Amino acid sequence: MTTLTEKECSTLPTDAVPLTSDEMQKLLPQLDPQWEIVDQTKLVRTYTRKDFITAMMFVNIVASIAENENHHPHITINFNIVTIKLSTHAINGLSENDFILAAKIDKADI
């Protein structure tokens, strides 16, 4: 079985639909347990870092991963607290791309 970190985000077909609740629940165990599915449309996790500089270093790592995957999260920074929200806007919900990016962020978490 191919893990999420071994996959790459891909362009969705024009007829793509959001993942079902069952599909999300099958992918969720491959992520850190701190990730939450919110409103069946977002994957959200909050990170607390030692200080602002460390938070910004983490955000830069996330930005690099996101750019490499061509799938970009919403990132909120409040001093040392970083919140990442993933969603696939083209389908107004969650796709496998969101879970792939979350898994790669987990792997790079410092």
C-alpha atoms as a PDB file:
ATOM      1  CA  MET A   1       0.000   0.000   0.000  1.00  0.00           C
ATOM      2  CA  THR A   2       1.315   3.423  -0.949  1.00  0.00           C
ATOM      3  CA  THR A   3       1.425   5.850   1.965  1.00  0.00           C
ATOM      4  CA  LEU A   4       0.238   9.427   1.683  1.00  0.00           C
ATOM      5  CA  THR A   5       3.809  10.737   1.935  1.00  0.00           C
ATOM      6  CA  GLU A   6       4.784   8.640  -1.085  1.00  0.00           C
ATOM      7  CA  LYS A   7       2.079  10.232  -3.222  1.00  0.00           C
ATOM      8  CA  GLU A   8       2.037  13.626  -4.904  1.00  0.00           C
ATOM      9  CA  CYS A   9      -0.801  16.108  -5.095  1.00  0.00           C
ATOM     10  CA  SER A  10      -2.398  16.029  -8.521  1.00  0.00           C
ATOM     11  CA  THR A  11      -4.709  18.147 -10.607  1.00  0.00           C
ATOM     12  CA  LEU A  12      -8.270  17.025 -10.075  1.00  0.00           C
ATOM     13  CA  PRO A  13     -10.511  16.121 -12.984  1.00  0.00           C
ATOM     14  CA  THR A  14     -13.252  18.625 -13.766  1.00  0.00           C
ATOM     15  CA  ASP A  15     -15.909  16.224 -12.477  1.00  0.00           C
ATOM     16  CA  ALA A  16     -14.167  15.630  -9.116  1.00  0.00           C
ATOM     17  CA  VAL A  17     -16.256  15.628  -5.967  1.00  0.00           C
ATOM     18  CA  PRO A  18     -15.252  15.972  -2.308  1.00  0.00           C
ATOM     19  CA  LEU A  19     -14.294  12.881  -0.370  1.00  0.00           C
ATOM     20  CA  THR A  20     -17.096  11.148   1.462  1.00  0.00           C
ATOM     21  CA  SER A  21     -17.054  10.927   5.244  1.00  0.00           C
ATOM     22  CA  ASP A  22     -16.067   7.240   4.984  1.00  0.00           C
ATOM     23  CA  GLU A  23     -13.179   8.061   2.630  1.00  0.00           C
ATOM     24  CA  MET A  24     -11.963  10.771   5.012  1.00  0.00           C
ATOM     25  CA  GLN A  25     -12.105   8.401   7.978  1.00  0.00           C
ATOM     26  CA  LYS A  26      -9.974   5.861   6.088  1.00  0.00           C
ATOM     27  CA  LEU A  27      -7.272   8.475   5.389  1.00  0.00           C
ATOM     28  CA  LEU A  28      -7.304  10.215   8.777  1.00  0.00           C
ATOM     29  CA  PRO A  29      -5.402   7.462  10.673  1.00  0.00           C
ATOM     30  CA  GLN A  30      -2.413   8.076   8.378  1.00  0.00           C
ATOM     31  CA  LEU A  31      -2.063  11.572   9.868  1.00  0.00           C
ATOM     32  CA  ASP A  32      -0.972  12.834  13.255  1.00  0.00           C
ATOM     33  CA  PRO A  33      -3.973  12.528  15.604  1.00  0.00           C
ATOM     34  CA  GLN A  34      -3.993  16.309  16.116  1.00  0.00           C
ATOM     35  CA  TRP A  35      -5.452  16.847  12.625  1.00  0.00           C
ATOM     36  CA  GLU A  36      -9.210  17.408  12.751  1.00  0.00           C
ATOM     37  CA  ILE A  37     -11.856  17.322  10.062  1.00  0.00           C
ATOM     38  CA  VAL A  38     -13.989  20.439  10.462  1.00  0.00           C
ATOM     39  CA  ASP A  39     -17.446  20.729   8.859  1.00  0.00           C
ATOM     40  CA  GLN A  40     -16.507  17.881   6.469  1.00  0.00           C
ATOM     41  CA  THR A  41     -14.769  20.552   4.352  1.00  0.00           C
ATOM     42  CA  LYS A  42     -11.493  21.382   6.115  1.00  0.00           C
ATOM     43  CA  LEU A  43      -8.551  19.574   7.634  1.00  0.00           C
ATOM     44  CA  VAL A  44      -7.160  21.658  10.512  1.00  0.00           C
ATOM     45  CA  ARG A  45      -4.216  21.428  12.879  1.00  0.00           C
ATOM     46  CA  THR A  46      -2.693  23.918  15.306  1.00  0.00           C
ATOM     47  CA  TYR A  47       0.989  23.870  16.195  1.00  0.00           C
ATOM     48  CA  THR A  48       2.622  25.640  19.127  1.00  0.00           C
ATOM     49  CA  ARG A  49       6.264  26.579  18.752  1.00  0.00           C
ATOM     50  CA  LYS A  50       8.845  27.868  21.233  1.00  0.00           C
ATOM     51  CA  ASP A  51       8.742  31.431  19.914  1.00  0.00           C
ATOM     52  CA  PHE A  52       7.868  33.583  16.910  1.00  0.00           C
ATOM     53  CA  ILE A  53      11.091  32.851  14.999  1.00  0.00           C
ATOM     54  CA  THR A  54      10.616  29.090  15.353  1.00  0.00           C
ATOM     55  CA  ALA A  55       7.004  29.449  14.224  1.00  0.00           C
ATOM     56  CA  MET A  56       8.120  31.384  11.152  1.00  0.00           C
ATOM     57  CA  MET A  57      10.793  28.789  10.349  1.00  0.00           C
ATOM     58  CA  PHE A  58       8.097  26.099  10.494  1.00  0.00           C
ATOM     59  CA  VAL A  59       5.789  28.146   8.248  1.00  0.00           C
ATOM     60  CA  ASN A  60       8.585  28.509   5.694  1.00  0.00           C
ATOM     61  CA  ILE A  61       9.041  24.725   5.660  1.00  0.00           C
ATOM     62  CA  VAL A  62       5.286  24.276   5.161  1.00  0.00           C
ATOM     63  CA  ALA A  63       5.317  26.880   2.378  1.00  0.00           C
ATOM     64  CA  SER A  64       8.111  25.029   0.594  1.00  0.00           C
ATOM     65  CA  ILE A  65       6.276  21.706   0.809  1.00  0.00           C
ATOM     66  CA  ALA A  66       3.021  23.312  -0.361  1.00  0.00           C
ATOM     67  CA  GLU A  67       4.712  25.007  -3.302  1.00  0.00           C
ATOM     68  CA  ASN A  68       6.391  21.742  -4.296  1.00  0.00           C
ATOM     69  CA  GLU A  69       3.003  19.989  -4.196  1.00  0.00           C
ATOM     70  CA  ASN A  70       1.193  22.922  -5.850  1.00  0.00           C
ATOM     71  CA  HIS A  71      -1.444  22.693  -3.128  1.00  0.00           C
ATOM     72  CA  HIS A  72      -1.561  25.646  -0.766  1.00  0.00           C
ATOM     73  CA  PRO A  73      -3.002  25.820   2.759  1.00  0.00           C
ATOM     74  CA  HIS A  74      -4.455  28.686   4.710  1.00  0.00           C
ATOM     75  CA  ILE A  75      -1.881  29.526   7.370  1.00  0.00           C
ATOM     76  CA  THR A  76      -2.540  31.711  10.389  1.00  0.00           C
ATOM     77  CA  ILE A  77       0.312  32.825  12.633  1.00  0.00           C
ATOM     78  CA  ASN A  78      -0.305  34.287  16.074  1.00  0.00           C
ATOM     79  CA  PHE A  79       3.106  34.803  17.685  1.00  0.00           C
ATOM     80  CA  ASN A  80       4.148  31.173  18.352  1.00  0.00           C
ATOM     81  CA  ILE A  81       0.896  29.494  17.320  1.00  0.00           C
ATOM     82  CA  VAL A  82       0.496  28.296  13.727  1.00  0.00           C
ATOM     83  CA  THR A  83      -2.839  27.047  12.422  1.00  0.00           C
ATOM     84  CA  ILE A  84      -2.975  25.216   9.119  1.00  0.00           C
ATOM     85  CA  LYS A  85      -6.260  24.717   7.283  1.00  0.00           C
ATOM     86  CA  LEU A  86      -6.401  22.507   4.213  1.00  0.00           C
ATOM     87  CA  SER A  87      -9.254  22.362   1.733  1.00  0.00           C
ATOM     88  CA  THR A  88      -9.602  21.897  -2.008  1.00  0.00           C
ATOM     89  CA  HIS A  89     -11.389  25.017  -3.182  1.00  0.00           C
ATOM     90  CA  ALA A  90     -12.157  23.665  -6.661  1.00  0.00           C
ATOM     91  CA  ILE A  91     -14.509  21.105  -5.103  1.00  0.00           C
ATOM     92  CA  ASN A  92     -15.470  23.077  -1.998  1.00  0.00           C
ATOM     93  CA  GLY A  93     -14.337  20.268   0.278  1.00  0.00           C
ATOM     94  CA  LEU A  94     -11.610  17.766   0.986  1.00  0.00           C
ATOM     95  CA  SER A  95      -9.690  15.760  -1.584  1.00  0.00           C
ATOM     96  CA  GLU A  96      -6.881  13.264  -1.208  1.00  0.00           C
ATOM     97  CA  ASN A  97      -4.512  16.184  -1.961  1.00  0.00           C
ATOM     98  CA  ASP A  98      -5.367  17.711   1.422  1.00  0.00           C
ATOM     99  CA  PHE A  99      -4.429  14.503   3.217  1.00  0.00           C
ATOM    100  CA  ILE A 100      -1.232  14.121   1.170  1.00  0.00           C
ATOM    101  CA  LEU A 101      -0.133  17.638   2.090  1.00  0.00           C
ATOM    102  CA  ALA A 102      -1.032  17.091   5.759  1.00  0.00           C
ATOM    103  CA  ALA A 103       1.023  13.882   5.842  1.00  0.00           C
ATOM    104  CA  LYS A 104       4.015  15.635   4.287  1.00  0.00           C
ATOM    105  CA  ILE A 105       3.719  18.459   6.815  1.00  0.00           C
ATOM    106  CA  ASP A 106       3.637  15.833   9.587  1.00  0.00           C
ATOM    107  CA  LYS A 107       6.794  14.237   8.207  1.00  0.00           C
ATOM    108  CA  ALA A 108       8.613  17.600   8.128  1.00  0.00           C
ATOM    109  CA  ASP A 109       7.353  18.763  11.526  1.00  0.00           C
ATOM    110  CA  ILE A 110      10.288  20.113  13.556  1.00  0.00           C
END
